[in-house]
Amino acid sequence: METNVTLSLEQAFKLCQAYTQQHKVRLFSQCWGCLKYSKSNPEKMCFYNPPNNDGCRFVNQLYKSK
């Protein structure tokens, strides 16, 4: 994935939390799967992609809109 977003793990996790609170997690959605299987461990979540942590399109969109 080629993006120009560079986030710290903490920033990405906060953006993920903001997104899931704002949009509510639907059953069998990408966010639902991510939260279910990662058990809220940031290093197992979709956005985790060192060194930029830009692996989740929802987190990237939220970051770009701010």
Protein backbone atom coordinates (compact mmCIF):
# COMPACT_ATOMS: atom_id res chain seq x y z
CA MET A 1 0.00 0.00 0.00
CA GLU A 2 1.58 3.25 -1.11
CA THR A 3 0.47 6.20 1.02
CA ASN A 4 2.03 9.35 2.34
CA VAL A 5 0.63 8.82 5.85
CA THR A 6 3.10 8.35 8.68
CA LEU A 7 1.63 7.69 12.12
CA SER A 8 3.02 6.60 15.43
CA LEU A 9 1.43 3.47 16.86
CA GLU A 10 -0.26 5.59 19.52
CA GLN A 11 -1.70 8.03 16.94
CA ALA A 12 -3.00 5.20 14.79
CA PHE A 13 -4.63 3.50 17.80
CA LYS A 14 -6.34 6.75 18.87
CA LEU A 15 -7.62 7.33 15.33
CA CYS A 16 -8.90 3.76 15.21
CA GLN A 17 -10.77 4.26 18.48
CA ALA A 18 -12.23 7.55 17.22
CA TYR A 19 -13.36 5.92 13.98
CA THR A 20 -15.02 2.96 15.67
CA GLN A 21 -16.83 5.23 18.15
CA GLN A 22 -18.02 7.53 15.38
CA HIS A 23 -19.14 4.84 12.92
CA LYS A 24 -20.08 1.95 15.20
CA VAL A 25 -18.67 -1.46 14.35
CA ARG A 26 -20.95 -3.57 12.16
CA LEU A 27 -20.95 -7.34 12.39
CA PHE A 28 -18.55 -8.98 9.90
CA SER A 29 -17.06 -5.63 8.80
CA GLN A 30 -13.31 -5.01 8.52
CA CYS A 31 -13.35 -3.20 11.87
CA TRP A 32 -15.26 -6.01 13.56
CA GLY A 33 -12.76 -8.60 12.35
CA CYS A 34 -9.82 -6.42 13.31
CA LEU A 35 -11.09 -5.78 16.84
CA LYS A 36 -12.20 -9.37 17.37
CA TYR A 37 -8.97 -11.04 16.33
CA SER A 38 -6.54 -8.44 17.68
CA LYS A 39 -8.27 -8.29 21.08
CA SER A 40 -7.36 -4.56 21.07
CA ASN A 41 -3.63 -5.28 20.82
CA PRO A 42 -2.37 -2.46 18.53
CA GLU A 43 0.41 -4.65 17.13
CA LYS A 44 -2.18 -7.09 15.76
CA MET A 45 -4.57 -4.49 14.30
CA CYS A 46 -5.02 -3.67 10.61
CA PHE A 47 -3.27 -0.30 10.84
CA TYR A 48 -0.07 -1.88 12.18
CA ASN A 49 2.43 -1.58 9.34
CA PRO A 50 5.83 -0.40 10.63
CA PRO A 51 7.32 2.12 10.29
CA ASN A 52 4.35 4.18 9.01
CA ASN A 53 1.38 2.35 10.59
CA ASP A 54 -0.67 3.09 7.49
CA GLY A 55 -2.28 -0.29 6.90
CA CYS A 56 -5.93 0.64 7.54
CA ARG A 57 -7.79 2.75 4.98
CA PHE A 58 -10.25 4.03 7.62
CA VAL A 59 -7.49 5.29 9.90
CA ASN A 60 -5.71 6.87 6.92
CA GLN A 61 -8.89 8.65 5.76
CA LEU A 62 -9.56 9.98 9.25
CA TYR A 63 -5.97 11.21 9.55
CA LYS A 64 -6.11 12.99 6.18
CA SER A 65 -9.43 14.66 7.04
CA LYS A 66 -8.04 16.23 10.23
